[in-house]
Protein backbone atom coordinates (compact mmCIF):
# COMPACT_ATOMS: atom_id res chain seq x y z
CA MET A 1 77.37 100.21 1.51
CA GLU A 2 74.91 100.99 -0.98
CA ASP A 3 76.55 104.39 -2.16
CA LYS A 4 79.61 104.41 -3.89
CA ILE A 5 79.91 108.59 -3.84
CA PRO A 6 83.02 109.39 -1.33
CA TYR A 7 81.71 110.57 1.88
CA PRO A 8 82.49 114.22 0.99
CA GLU A 9 80.48 115.37 -2.04
CA ARG A 10 77.79 113.12 0.13
CA PHE A 11 77.91 116.08 2.68
CA GLN A 12 77.47 118.64 0.02
CA ASP A 13 73.75 118.60 -0.41
CA VAL A 14 73.57 118.51 4.10
CA SER A 15 75.65 121.05 4.58
CA ASP A 16 77.52 124.15 2.81
CA ASN A 17 79.94 123.43 5.42
CA ILE A 18 82.06 120.35 5.32
CA TYR A 19 84.13 121.00 8.22
CA GLU A 20 80.49 121.26 10.56
CA ALA A 21 79.27 118.76 8.35
CA VAL A 22 82.34 116.30 9.89
CA MET A 23 82.08 117.10 13.63
CA ILE A 24 78.54 116.79 13.45
CA VAL A 25 78.69 113.74 12.29
CA ALA A 26 81.76 113.11 15.32
CA LYS A 27 79.48 114.42 17.54
CA ARG A 28 76.30 112.12 17.19
CA ALA A 29 78.21 108.61 16.17
CA ARG A 30 80.07 109.25 19.66
CA LYS A 31 76.43 109.23 21.20
CA ILE A 32 75.09 106.58 19.83
CA ALA A 33 78.37 104.54 20.31
CA ALA A 34 77.85 105.27 23.88
CA ASN A 35 74.33 104.10 23.73
CA GLN A 36 75.49 100.89 22.03
CA LYS A 37 78.08 99.92 25.45
CA ILE A 38 75.64 101.15 27.76
CA GLU A 39 73.41 98.54 25.81
CA ILE A 40 75.78 95.85 26.20
CA GLU A 41 76.69 96.70 29.62
CA ARG A 42 72.73 95.98 31.10
CA ASN A 43 72.39 92.88 29.15
CA MET A 44 75.80 91.58 30.26
CA ASN A 45 76.38 90.20 33.94
CA VAL A 46 79.13 89.88 36.10
CA VAL A 47 80.91 86.20 35.48
CA GLU A 48 83.89 84.39 36.66
CA PRO A 49 86.93 85.34 34.46
CA GLU A 50 87.69 81.66 33.99
CA GLU A 51 84.01 81.04 32.51
CA GLU A 52 82.75 82.03 29.74
CA THR A 53 78.91 80.87 29.30
CA ASP A 54 77.06 81.04 26.39
CA GLU A 55 75.43 84.74 27.50
CA GLU A 56 78.07 85.75 27.02
CA SER A 57 78.25 84.60 23.62
CA GLU A 58 75.31 85.91 23.50
CA VAL A 59 76.49 89.25 24.31
CA SER A 60 79.06 89.17 21.50
CA LYS A 61 76.63 88.56 18.84
CA VAL A 62 74.48 90.98 19.55
CA TYR A 63 77.48 93.65 19.35
CA LEU A 64 78.60 92.62 16.14
CA SER A 65 75.62 92.66 15.11
CA PHE A 66 75.51 96.41 15.38
CA LYS A 67 76.34 99.09 12.89
CA LYS A 68 79.09 100.86 13.11
CA PRO A 69 77.96 104.40 14.85
CA THR A 70 79.64 106.74 12.01
CA ILE A 71 78.06 105.21 9.47
CA ILE A 72 74.42 105.07 11.43
CA ALA A 73 75.55 108.95 12.59
CA ILE A 74 76.09 109.58 8.67
CA SER A 75 72.71 108.16 7.49
CA GLU A 76 70.86 110.45 9.63
CA LEU A 77 72.69 113.08 8.65
CA GLU A 78 71.47 112.11 5.11
CA LYS A 79 68.62 112.09 5.86
CA GLN A 80 68.32 115.04 7.50
CA GLU A 81 67.01 113.35 10.66
CA LEU A 82 69.46 115.03 12.41
CA GLU A 83 68.20 118.68 14.69
CA TYR A 84 71.94 120.95 15.25
CA ASN A 85 71.97 124.14 17.16
CA TYR A 86 74.41 127.04 17.82
CA LYS A 87 75.42 128.73 21.03
CA GLY A 88 72.95 131.44 20.31
CA LYS A 89 71.04 129.87 17.87
CA SER A 90 68.97 126.92 15.92
CA SER A 91 69.31 125.20 12.86
CA SER A 92 68.34 121.13 11.52
């Protein structure tokens, strides 16, 4: 990790309410994880259970190369790349 500053203090620059920031990050992380799952499934072919092919090994390597969704979401929030809306309001 590039910074040793604890996450609560890092969120203070982004949002006045830490709980709000955590919820925004959590929702974004879930979306990122879902997209990563779709990408893995798209690259994976159905193979006999007894056989492990080179293609499955490649898919495993791709999966392991993904950054954790929470880390990506936190980074996006800190860089102010996320937009979020309240019901009836819009904010960024």
